[in-house]
Amino acid sequence: MLAGSPVASQSLTVSTAAVAPTGYTSSTAVGNNSVVVFDVQGYAVRVRWDGTDPTSTVGHYLPAIAGYTWDVDQFNAAKFIRDTAAAGDATVFSSAFQI
């Protein structure tokens, strides 16, 4: 359980083109002192943080129906795409927490 309060939430549809989250800014999260809790719904996705778009076969694999907690800066740098085996779009639902 996280100590702190959620300060914002967003939903991101992940399809066949790489997408980045809207991101959390200093008005809703404070650098390394905040985390983003999110889950992948529907189908698996792939992610990269180096500014390069992931592909359906290249990138870190994140299975669906799993929860993750990342530093806000890591989440803001992410780009997602649905995995090649996915039969449909995925949703990444996230909330930032100040801790």
PDB file of N, CA and C in Angstrom:
ATOM      1  N   MET A   1       0.843  -1.165   0.000  1.00  0.00           N
ATOM      2  CA  MET A   1       0.000   0.000   0.000  1.00  0.00           C
ATOM      3  C   MET A   1       0.893   1.234   0.000  1.00  0.00           C
ATOM      4  N   LEU A   2       0.586   2.183  -0.871  1.00  0.00           N
ATOM      5  CA  LEU A   2       1.356   3.415  -0.939  1.00  0.00           C
ATOM      6  C   LEU A   2       0.855   4.426   0.072  1.00  0.00           C
ATOM      7  N   ALA A   3       1.791   5.071   0.729  1.00  0.00           N
ATOM      8  CA  ALA A   3       1.415   6.206   1.572  1.00  0.00           C
ATOM      9  C   ALA A   3       1.376   7.422   0.667  1.00  0.00           C
ATOM     10  N   GLY A   4       0.348   8.178   0.738  1.00  0.00           N
ATOM     11  CA  GLY A   4       0.221   9.344  -0.116  1.00  0.00           C
ATOM     12  C   GLY A   4      -1.123   9.334  -0.801  1.00  0.00           C
ATOM     13  N   SER A   5      -1.356  10.364  -1.555  1.00  0.00           N
ATOM     14  CA  SER A   5      -2.643  10.508  -2.217  1.00  0.00           C
ATOM     15  C   SER A   5      -2.463  10.573  -3.717  1.00  0.00           C
ATOM     16  N   PRO A   6      -3.403   9.986  -4.475  1.00  0.00           N
ATOM     17  CA  PRO A   6      -3.317  10.125  -5.920  1.00  0.00           C
ATOM     18  C   PRO A   6      -3.565  11.579  -6.299  1.00  0.00           C
ATOM     19  N   VAL A   7      -2.791  12.082  -7.233  1.00  0.00           N
ATOM     20  CA  VAL A   7      -2.924  13.480  -7.627  1.00  0.00           C
ATOM     21  C   VAL A   7      -3.455  13.646  -9.039  1.00  0.00           C
ATOM     22  N   ALA A   8      -3.490  12.587  -9.817  1.00  0.00           N
ATOM     23  CA  ALA A   8      -4.012  12.650 -11.178  1.00  0.00           C
ATOM     24  C   ALA A   8      -4.115  11.240 -11.719  1.00  0.00           C
ATOM     25  N   SER A   9      -4.978  11.059 -12.705  1.00  0.00           N
ATOM     26  CA  SER A   9      -5.111   9.763 -13.382  1.00  0.00           C
ATOM     27  C   SER A   9      -5.270   9.996 -14.867  1.00  0.00           C
ATOM     28  N   GLN A  10      -4.897   8.985 -15.650  1.00  0.00           N
ATOM     29  CA  GLN A  10      -5.097   9.051 -17.092  1.00  0.00           C
ATOM     30  C   GLN A  10      -5.224   7.658 -17.660  1.00  0.00           C
ATOM     31  N   SER A  11      -5.870   7.582 -18.811  1.00  0.00           N
ATOM     32  CA  SER A  11      -6.042   6.328 -19.533  1.00  0.00           C
ATOM     33  C   SER A  11      -5.423   6.499 -20.915  1.00  0.00           C
ATOM     34  N   LEU A  12      -4.626   5.524 -21.332  1.00  0.00           N
ATOM     35  CA  LEU A  12      -3.933   5.581 -22.615  1.00  0.00           C
ATOM     36  C   LEU A  12      -4.292   4.349 -23.430  1.00  0.00           C
ATOM     37  N   THR A  13      -4.864   4.540 -24.614  1.00  0.00           N
ATOM     38  CA  THR A  13      -5.157   3.423 -25.513  1.00  0.00           C
ATOM     39  C   THR A  13      -3.892   3.090 -26.288  1.00  0.00           C
ATOM     40  N   VAL A  14      -3.490   1.815 -26.257  1.00  0.00           N
ATOM     41  CA  VAL A  14      -2.273   1.360 -26.922  1.00  0.00           C
ATOM     42  C   VAL A  14      -2.669   0.456 -28.072  1.00  0.00           C
ATOM     43  N   SER A  15      -2.298   0.860 -29.280  1.00  0.00           N
ATOM     44  CA  SER A  15      -2.675   0.125 -30.488  1.00  0.00           C
ATOM     45  C   SER A  15      -1.423  -0.229 -31.284  1.00  0.00           C
ATOM     46  N   THR A  16      -1.502  -0.163 -32.599  1.00  0.00           N
ATOM     47  CA  THR A  16      -0.416  -0.604 -33.476  1.00  0.00           C
ATOM     48  C   THR A  16       0.606   0.480 -33.788  1.00  0.00           C
ATOM     49  N   ALA A  17       0.428   1.683 -33.257  1.00  0.00           N
ATOM     50  CA  ALA A  17       1.423   2.752 -33.392  1.00  0.00           C
ATOM     51  C   ALA A  17       1.899   3.121 -31.992  1.00  0.00           C
ATOM     52  N   ALA A  18       3.184   3.364 -31.854  1.00  0.00           N
ATOM     53  CA  ALA A  18       3.734   3.709 -30.544  1.00  0.00           C
ATOM     54  C   ALA A  18       3.122   5.005 -30.031  1.00  0.00           C
ATOM     55  N   VAL A  19       2.786   5.011 -28.742  1.00  0.00           N
ATOM     56  CA  VAL A  19       2.202   6.196 -28.111  1.00  0.00           C
ATOM     57  C   VAL A  19       2.894   6.452 -26.778  1.00  0.00           C
ATOM     58  N   ALA A  20       2.918   7.726 -26.411  1.00  0.00           N
ATOM     59  CA  ALA A  20       3.486   8.127 -25.123  1.00  0.00           C
ATOM     60  C   ALA A  20       2.357   8.618 -24.228  1.00  0.00           C
ATOM     61  N   PRO A  21       2.492   8.415 -22.935  1.00  0.00           N
ATOM     62  CA  PRO A  21       1.486   8.965 -22.030  1.00  0.00           C
ATOM     63  C   PRO A  21       1.561  10.486 -22.041  1.00  0.00           C
ATOM     64  N   THR A  22       0.493  11.116 -21.617  1.00  0.00           N
ATOM     65  CA  THR A  22       0.487  12.574 -21.509  1.00  0.00           C
ATOM     66  C   THR A  22       1.581  13.028 -20.568  1.00  0.00           C
ATOM     67  N   GLY A  23       1.864  12.228 -19.567  1.00  0.00           N
ATOM     68  CA  GLY A  23       2.914  12.546 -18.607  1.00  0.00           C
ATOM     69  C   GLY A  23       2.355  13.314 -17.439  1.00  0.00           C
ATOM     70  N   TYR A  24       3.103  13.314 -16.373  1.00  0.00           N
ATOM     71  CA  TYR A  24       2.726  14.033 -15.172  1.00  0.00           C
ATOM     72  C   TYR A  24       3.739  15.135 -14.959  1.00  0.00           C
ATOM     73  N   THR A  25       3.271  16.363 -14.806  1.00  0.00           N
ATOM     74  CA  THR A  25       4.154  17.521 -14.708  1.00  0.00           C
ATOM     75  C   THR A  25       4.340  17.934 -13.257  1.00  0.00           C
ATOM     76  N   SER A  26       5.143  18.952 -13.067  1.00  0.00           N
ATOM     77  CA  SER A  26       5.432  19.409 -11.702  1.00  0.00           C
ATOM     78  C   SER A  26       4.182  19.910 -10.989  1.00  0.00           C
ATOM     79  N   SER A  27       3.138  20.226 -11.733  1.00  0.00           N
ATOM     80  CA  SER A  27       1.918  20.677 -11.077  1.00  0.00           C
ATOM     81  C   SER A  27       1.172  19.520 -10.405  1.00  0.00           C
ATOM     82  N   THR A  28       1.448  18.285 -10.830  1.00  0.00           N
ATOM     83  CA  THR A  28       0.753  17.143 -10.240  1.00  0.00           C
ATOM     84  C   THR A  28       1.688  16.114  -9.639  1.00  0.00           C
ATOM     85  N   ALA A  29       2.969  16.196  -9.905  1.00  0.00           N
ATOM     86  CA  ALA A  29       3.920  15.234  -9.365  1.00  0.00           C
ATOM     87  C   ALA A  29       5.272  15.930  -9.228  1.00  0.00           C
ATOM     88  N   VAL A  30       6.074  15.485  -8.323  1.00  0.00           N
ATOM     89  CA  VAL A  30       7.326  16.169  -8.043  1.00  0.00           C
ATOM     90  C   VAL A  30       8.503  15.228  -8.271  1.00  0.00           C
ATOM     91  N   GLY A  31       9.040  15.242  -9.484  1.00  0.00           N
ATOM     92  CA  GLY A  31      10.261  14.515  -9.824  1.00  0.00           C
ATOM     93  C   GLY A  31      10.398  13.153  -9.192  1.00  0.00           C
ATOM     94  N   ASN A  32      11.539  12.896  -8.599  1.00  0.00           N
ATOM     95  CA  ASN A  32      11.841  11.588  -8.039  1.00  0.00           C
ATOM     96  C   ASN A  32      11.098  11.287  -6.736  1.00  0.00           C
ATOM     97  N   ASN A  33      10.339  12.233  -6.221  1.00  0.00           N
ATOM     98  CA  ASN A  33       9.587  12.001  -5.000  1.00  0.00           C
ATOM     99  C   ASN A  33       8.192  11.471  -5.275  1.00  0.00           C
ATOM    100  N   SER A  34       7.872  11.203  -6.522  1.00  0.00           N
ATOM    101  CA  SER A  34       6.550  10.712  -6.869  1.00  0.00           C
ATOM    102  C   SER A  34       6.652   9.457  -7.720  1.00  0.00           C
ATOM    103  N   VAL A  35       5.620   8.663  -7.636  1.00  0.00           N
ATOM    104  CA  VAL A  35       5.563   7.433  -8.412  1.00  0.00           C
ATOM    105  C   VAL A  35       4.261   7.403  -9.213  1.00  0.00           C
ATOM    106  N   VAL A  36       4.274   6.580 -10.248  1.00  0.00           N
ATOM    107  CA  VAL A  36       3.077   6.327 -11.040  1.00  0.00           C
ATOM    108  C   VAL A  36       2.750   4.851 -10.882  1.00  0.00           C
ATOM    109  N   VAL A  37       1.546   4.578 -10.465  1.00  0.00           N
ATOM    110  CA  VAL A  37       1.039   3.216 -10.344  1.00  0.00           C
ATOM    111  C   VAL A  37       0.121   3.007 -11.536  1.00  0.00           C
ATOM    112  N   PHE A  38       0.358   1.919 -12.292  1.00  0.00           N
ATOM    113  CA  PHE A  38      -0.487   1.687 -13.461  1.00  0.00           C
ATOM    114  C   PHE A  38      -0.673   0.201 -13.696  1.00  0.00           C
ATOM    115  N   ASP A  39      -1.672  -0.111 -14.498  1.00  0.00           N
ATOM    116  CA  ASP A  39      -1.880  -1.487 -14.913  1.00  0.00           C
ATOM    117  C   ASP A  39      -2.127  -1.513 -16.407  1.00  0.00           C
ATOM    118  N   VAL A  40      -1.839  -2.678 -16.996  1.00  0.00           N
ATOM    119  CA  VAL A  40      -2.063  -2.913 -18.420  1.00  0.00           C
ATOM    120  C   VAL A  40      -3.313  -3.762 -18.529  1.00  0.00           C
ATOM    121  N   GLN A  41      -4.305  -3.248 -19.220  1.00  0.00           N
ATOM    122  CA  GLN A  41      -5.595  -3.923 -19.329  1.00  0.00           C
ATOM    123  C   GLN A  41      -5.816  -4.413 -20.757  1.00  0.00           C
ATOM    124  N   GLY A  42      -6.386  -5.585 -20.887  1.00  0.00           N
ATOM    125  CA  GLY A  42      -6.759  -6.110 -22.199  1.00  0.00           C
ATOM    126  C   GLY A  42      -5.713  -7.021 -22.800  1.00  0.00           C
ATOM    127  N   TYR A  43      -4.632  -6.439 -23.309  1.00  0.00           N
ATOM    128  CA  TYR A  43      -3.596  -7.213 -24.005  1.00  0.00           C
ATOM    129  C   TYR A  43      -2.212  -6.718 -23.613  1.00  0.00           C
ATOM    130  N   ALA A  44      -1.216  -7.550 -23.834  1.00  0.00           N
ATOM    131  CA  ALA A  44       0.165  -7.204 -23.503  1.00  0.00           C
ATOM    132  C   ALA A  44       0.678  -6.060 -24.373  1.00  0.00           C
ATOM    133  N   VAL A  45       1.638  -5.317 -23.817  1.00  0.00           N
ATOM    134  CA  VAL A  45       2.264  -4.222 -24.549  1.00  0.00           C
ATOM    135  C   VAL A  45       3.782  -4.353 -24.472  1.00  0.00           C
ATOM    136  N   ARG A  46       4.454  -3.564 -25.284  1.00  0.00           N
ATOM    137  CA  ARG A  46       5.910  -3.425 -25.217  1.00  0.00           C
ATOM    138  C   ARG A  46       6.205  -1.962 -24.928  1.00  0.00           C
ATOM    139  N   VAL A  47       7.346  -1.707 -24.262  1.00  0.00           N
ATOM    140  CA  VAL A  47       7.691  -0.351 -23.852  1.00  0.00           C
ATOM    141  C   VAL A  47       9.179  -0.103 -24.029  1.00  0.00           C
ATOM    142  N   ARG A  48       9.512   1.162 -24.344  1.00  0.00           N
ATOM    143  CA  ARG A  48      10.906   1.627 -24.357  1.00  0.00           C
ATOM    144  C   ARG A  48      10.943   2.989 -23.689  1.00  0.00           C
ATOM    145  N   TRP A  49      12.132   3.346 -23.155  1.00  0.00           N
ATOM    146  CA  TRP A  49      12.309   4.627 -22.470  1.00  0.00           C
ATOM    147  C   TRP A  49      13.395   5.482 -23.093  1.00  0.00           C
ATOM    148  N   ASP A  50      14.046   5.013 -24.140  1.00  0.00           N
ATOM    149  CA  ASP A  50      15.223   5.695 -24.687  1.00  0.00           C
ATOM    150  C   ASP A  50      14.906   6.679 -25.802  1.00  0.00           C
ATOM    151  N   GLY A  51      13.638   7.014 -25.992  1.00  0.00           N
ATOM    152  CA  GLY A  51      13.250   7.950 -27.045  1.00  0.00           C
ATOM    153  C   GLY A  51      12.958   7.282 -28.377  1.00  0.00           C
ATOM    154  N   THR A  52      13.290   5.991 -28.497  1.00  0.00           N
ATOM    155  CA  THR A  52      13.017   5.229 -29.703  1.00  0.00           C
ATOM    156  C   THR A  52      11.667   4.541 -29.551  1.00  0.00           C
ATOM    157  N   ASP A  53      10.885   4.540 -30.616  1.00  0.00           N
ATOM    158  CA  ASP A  53       9.590   3.863 -30.559  1.00  0.00           C
ATOM    159  C   ASP A  53       9.781   2.356 -30.439  1.00  0.00           C
ATOM    160  N   PRO A  54       9.042   1.715 -29.550  1.00  0.00           N
ATOM    161  CA  PRO A  54       9.046   0.250 -29.529  1.00  0.00           C
ATOM    162  C   PRO A  54       8.300  -0.261 -30.760  1.00  0.00           C
ATOM    163  N   THR A  55       8.489  -1.519 -31.073  1.00  0.00           N
ATOM    164  CA  THR A  55       7.696  -2.157 -32.122  1.00  0.00           C
ATOM    165  C   THR A  55       6.903  -3.276 -31.464  1.00  0.00           C
ATOM    166  N   SER A  56       6.088  -3.942 -32.244  1.00  0.00           N
ATOM    167  CA  SER A  56       5.286  -5.029 -31.686  1.00  0.00           C
ATOM    168  C   SER A  56       6.131  -6.220 -31.260  1.00  0.00           C
ATOM    169  N   THR A  57       7.413  -6.234 -31.650  1.00  0.00           N
ATOM    170  CA  THR A  57       8.300  -7.336 -31.275  1.00  0.00           C
ATOM    171  C   THR A  57       9.561  -6.877 -30.540  1.00  0.00           C
ATOM    172  N   VAL A  58       9.808  -5.565 -30.446  1.00  0.00           N
ATOM    173  CA  VAL A  58      11.021  -5.045 -29.820  1.00  0.00           C
ATOM    174  C   VAL A  58      10.644  -4.063 -28.712  1.00  0.00           C
ATOM    175  N   GLY A  59      11.155  -4.307 -27.541  1.00  0.00           N
ATOM    176  CA  GLY A  59      10.881  -3.485 -26.366  1.00  0.00           C
ATOM    177  C   GLY A  59      10.635  -4.395 -25.183  1.00  0.00           C
ATOM    178  N   HIS A  60      10.592  -3.814 -24.015  1.00  0.00           N
ATOM    179  CA  HIS A  60      10.321  -4.596 -22.814  1.00  0.00           C
ATOM    180  C   HIS A  60       8.868  -5.041 -22.838  1.00  0.00           C
ATOM    181  N   TYR A  61       8.651  -6.306 -22.560  1.00  0.00           N
ATOM    182  CA  TYR A  61       7.322  -6.919 -22.592  1.00  0.00           C
ATOM    183  C   TYR A  61       6.622  -6.717 -21.254  1.00  0.00           C
ATOM    184  N   LEU A  62       5.428  -6.134 -21.301  1.00  0.00           N
ATOM    185  CA  LEU A  62       4.614  -5.982 -20.098  1.00  0.00           C
ATOM    186  C   LEU A  62       3.311  -6.750 -20.302  1.00  0.00           C
ATOM    187  N   PRO A  63       3.118  -7.831 -19.582  1.00  0.00           N
ATOM    188  CA  PRO A  63       1.892  -8.605 -19.758  1.00  0.00           C
ATOM    189  C   PRO A  63       0.668  -7.855 -19.244  1.00  0.00           C
ATOM    190  N   ALA A  64      -0.467  -8.185 -19.812  1.00  0.00           N
ATOM    191  CA  ALA A  64      -1.737  -7.609 -19.353  1.00  0.00           C
ATOM    192  C   ALA A  64      -2.101  -8.201 -17.998  1.00  0.00           C
ATOM    193  N   ILE A  65      -3.014  -7.554 -17.349  1.00  0.00           N
ATOM    194  CA  ILE A  65      -3.520  -7.958 -16.047  1.00  0.00           C
ATOM    195  C   ILE A  65      -2.375  -8.007 -15.033  1.00  0.00           C
ATOM    196  N   ALA A  66      -1.540  -6.983 -15.090  1.00  0.00           N
ATOM    197  CA  ALA A  66      -0.444  -6.865 -14.141  1.00  0.00           C
ATOM    198  C   ALA A  66      -0.335  -5.404 -13.730  1.00  0.00           C
ATOM    199  N   GLY A  67       0.115  -5.173 -12.510  1.00  0.00           N
ATOM    200  CA  GLY A  67       0.280  -3.818 -12.013  1.00  0.00           C
ATOM    201  C   GLY A  67       1.755  -3.470 -11.881  1.00  0.00           C
ATOM    202  N   TYR A  68       2.057  -2.190 -12.029  1.00  0.00           N
ATOM    203  CA  TYR A  68       3.440  -1.717 -12.013  1.00  0.00           C
ATOM    204  C   TYR A  68       3.522  -0.424 -11.213  1.00  0.00           C
ATOM    205  N   THR A  69       4.667  -0.169 -10.608  1.00  0.00           N
ATOM    206  CA  THR A  69       4.939   1.088  -9.938  1.00  0.00           C
ATOM    207  C   THR A  69       6.281   1.594 -10.437  1.00  0.00           C
ATOM    208  N   TRP A  70       6.263   2.750 -11.070  1.00  0.00           N
ATOM    209  CA  TRP A  70       7.472   3.346 -11.627  1.00  0.00           C
ATOM    210  C   TRP A  70       7.645   4.753 -11.091  1.00  0.00           C
ATOM    211  N   ASP A  71       8.880   5.222 -11.070  1.00  0.00           N
ATOM    212  CA  ASP A  71       9.163   6.629 -10.815  1.00  0.00           C
ATOM    213  C   ASP A  71       8.463   7.461 -11.889  1.00  0.00           C
ATOM    214  N   VAL A  72       7.975   8.634 -11.540  1.00  0.00           N
ATOM    215  CA  VAL A  72       7.233   9.468 -12.478  1.00  0.00           C
ATOM    216  C   VAL A  72       8.067   9.800 -13.721  1.00  0.00           C
ATOM    217  N   ASP A  73       9.368  10.026 -13.567  1.00  0.00           N
ATOM    218  CA  ASP A  73      10.212  10.344 -14.717  1.00  0.00           C
ATOM    219  C   ASP A  73      10.326   9.163 -15.676  1.00  0.00           C
ATOM    220  N   GLN A  74      10.388   7.956 -15.132  1.00  0.00           N
ATOM    221  CA  GLN A  74      10.436   6.757 -15.965  1.00  0.00           C
ATOM    222  C   GLN A  74       9.132   6.615 -16.743  1.00  0.00           C
ATOM    223  N   PHE A  75       8.004   6.825 -16.080  1.00  0.00           N
ATOM    224  CA  PHE A  75       6.718   6.724 -16.770  1.00  0.00           C
ATOM    225  C   PHE A  75       6.602   7.784 -17.852  1.00  0.00           C
ATOM    226  N   ASN A  76       7.006   9.014 -17.561  1.00  0.00           N
ATOM    227  CA  ASN A  76       6.904  10.096 -18.543  1.00  0.00           C
ATOM    228  C   ASN A  76       7.766   9.845 -19.773  1.00  0.00           C
ATOM    229  N   ALA A  77       8.848   9.088 -19.633  1.00  0.00           N
ATOM    230  CA  ALA A  77       9.744   8.804 -20.757  1.00  0.00           C
ATOM    231  C   ALA A  77       9.289   7.597 -21.591  1.00  0.00           C
ATOM    232  N   ALA A  78       8.277   6.896 -21.132  1.00  0.00           N
ATOM    233  CA  ALA A  78       7.860   5.645 -21.777  1.00  0.00           C
ATOM    234  C   ALA A  78       7.106   5.880 -23.087  1.00  0.00           C
ATOM    235  N   LYS A  79       7.285   4.935 -24.000  1.00  0.00           N
ATOM    236  CA  LYS A  79       6.471   4.835 -25.209  1.00  0.00           C
ATOM    237  C   LYS A  79       5.987   3.388 -25.274  1.00  0.00           C
ATOM    238  N   PHE A  80       4.698   3.212 -25.544  1.00  0.00           N
ATOM    239  CA  PHE A  80       4.070   1.897 -25.538  1.00  0.00           C
ATOM    240  C   PHE A  80       3.537   1.540 -26.923  1.00  0.00           C
ATOM    241  N   ILE A  81       3.478   0.237 -27.209  1.00  0.00           N
ATOM    242  CA  ILE A  81       2.821  -0.296 -28.397  1.00  0.00           C
ATOM    243  C   ILE A  81       2.270  -1.668 -28.022  1.00  0.00           C
ATOM    244  N   ARG A  82       1.217  -2.101 -28.678  1.00  0.00           N
ATOM    245  CA  ARG A  82       0.698  -3.419 -28.315  1.00  0.00           C
ATOM    246  C   ARG A  82       1.606  -4.504 -28.879  1.00  0.00           C
ATOM    247  N   ASP A  83       1.694  -5.596 -28.154  1.00  0.00           N
ATOM    248  CA  ASP A  83       2.542  -6.722 -28.537  1.00  0.00           C
ATOM    249  C   ASP A  83       2.004  -7.396 -29.782  1.00  0.00           C
ATOM    250  N   THR A  84       2.891  -8.024 -30.548  1.00  0.00           N
ATOM    251  CA  THR A  84       2.518  -8.665 -31.800  1.00  0.00           C
ATOM    252  C   THR A  84       1.444  -9.731 -31.630  1.00  0.00           C
ATOM    253  N   ALA A  85       1.399 -10.394 -30.485  1.00  0.00           N
ATOM    254  CA  ALA A  85       0.414 -11.452 -30.260  1.00  0.00           C
ATOM    255  C   ALA A  85      -0.943 -10.910 -29.804  1.00  0.00           C
ATOM    256  N   ALA A  86      -1.033  -9.606 -29.559  1.00  0.00           N
ATOM    257  CA  ALA A  86      -2.284  -9.024 -29.066  1.00  0.00           C
ATOM    258  C   ALA A  86      -3.358  -9.058 -30.146  1.00  0.00           C
ATOM    259  N   ALA A  87      -4.545  -9.445 -29.745  1.00  0.00           N
ATOM    260  CA  ALA A  87      -5.668  -9.510 -30.679  1.00  0.00           C
ATOM    261  C   ALA A  87      -6.472  -8.213 -30.703  1.00  0.00           C
ATOM    262  N   GLY A  88      -6.116  -7.262 -29.848  1.00  0.00           N
ATOM    263  CA  GLY A  88      -6.836  -5.999 -29.783  1.00  0.00           C
ATOM    264  C   GLY A  88      -6.029  -4.969 -29.030  1.00  0.00           C
ATOM    265  N   ASP A  89      -6.598  -3.779 -28.913  1.00  0.00           N
ATOM    266  CA  ASP A  89      -5.923  -2.687 -28.227  1.00  0.00           C
ATOM    267  C   ASP A  89      -5.832  -2.941 -26.721  1.00  0.00           C
ATOM    268  N   ALA A  90      -4.829  -2.359 -26.120  1.00  0.00           N
ATOM    269  CA  ALA A  90      -4.650  -2.421 -24.673  1.00  0.00           C
ATOM    270  C   ALA A  90      -4.936  -1.044 -24.095  1.00  0.00           C
ATOM    271  N   THR A  91      -5.130  -1.010 -22.808  1.00  0.00           N
ATOM    272  CA  THR A  91      -5.285   0.256 -22.095  1.00  0.00           C
ATOM    273  C   THR A  91      -4.271   0.287 -20.959  1.00  0.00           C
ATOM    274  N   VAL A  92      -3.546   1.390 -20.859  1.00  0.00           N
ATOM    275  CA  VAL A  92      -2.663   1.622 -19.724  1.00  0.00           C
ATOM    276  C   VAL A  92      -3.367   2.669 -18.873  1.00  0.00           C
ATOM    277  N   PHE A  93      -3.805   2.275 -17.679  1.00  0.00           N
ATOM    278  CA  PHE A  93      -4.478   3.205 -16.772  1.00  0.00           C
ATOM    279  C   PHE A  93      -3.529   3.524 -15.635  1.00  0.00           C
ATOM    280  N   SER A  94      -3.276   4.820 -15.429  1.00  0.00           N
ATOM    281  CA  SER A  94      -2.251   5.214 -14.457  1.00  0.00           C
ATOM    282  C   SER A  94      -2.748   6.288 -13.512  1.00  0.00           C
ATOM    283  N   SER A  95      -2.127   6.314 -12.342  1.00  0.00           N
ATOM    284  CA  SER A  95      -2.352   7.371 -11.350  1.00  0.00           C
ATOM    285  C   SER A  95      -1.012   7.723 -10.717  1.00  0.00           C
ATOM    286  N   ALA A  96      -0.761   9.014 -10.605  1.00  0.00           N
ATOM    287  CA  ALA A  96       0.469   9.472  -9.939  1.00  0.00           C
ATOM    288  C   ALA A  96       0.187   9.668  -8.466  1.00  0.00           C
ATOM    289  N   PHE A  97       1.192   9.378  -7.639  1.00  0.00           N
ATOM    290  CA  PHE A  97       1.080   9.544  -6.195  1.00  0.00           C
ATOM    291  C   PHE A  97       2.245  10.375  -5.708  1.00  0.00           C
ATOM    292  N   GLN A  98       1.971  11.326  -4.836  1.00  0.00           N
ATOM    293  CA  GLN A  98       3.035  12.033  -4.148  1.00  0.00           C
ATOM    294  C   GLN A  98       3.310  11.279  -2.869  1.00  0.00           C
ATOM    295  N   ILE A  99       4.572  10.921  -2.656  1.00  0.00           N
ATOM    296  CA  ILE A  99       4.906  10.151  -1.457  1.00  0.00           C
ATOM    297  C   ILE A  99       5.929  10.884  -0.622  1.00  0.00           C
TER     298      ILE A  99
END
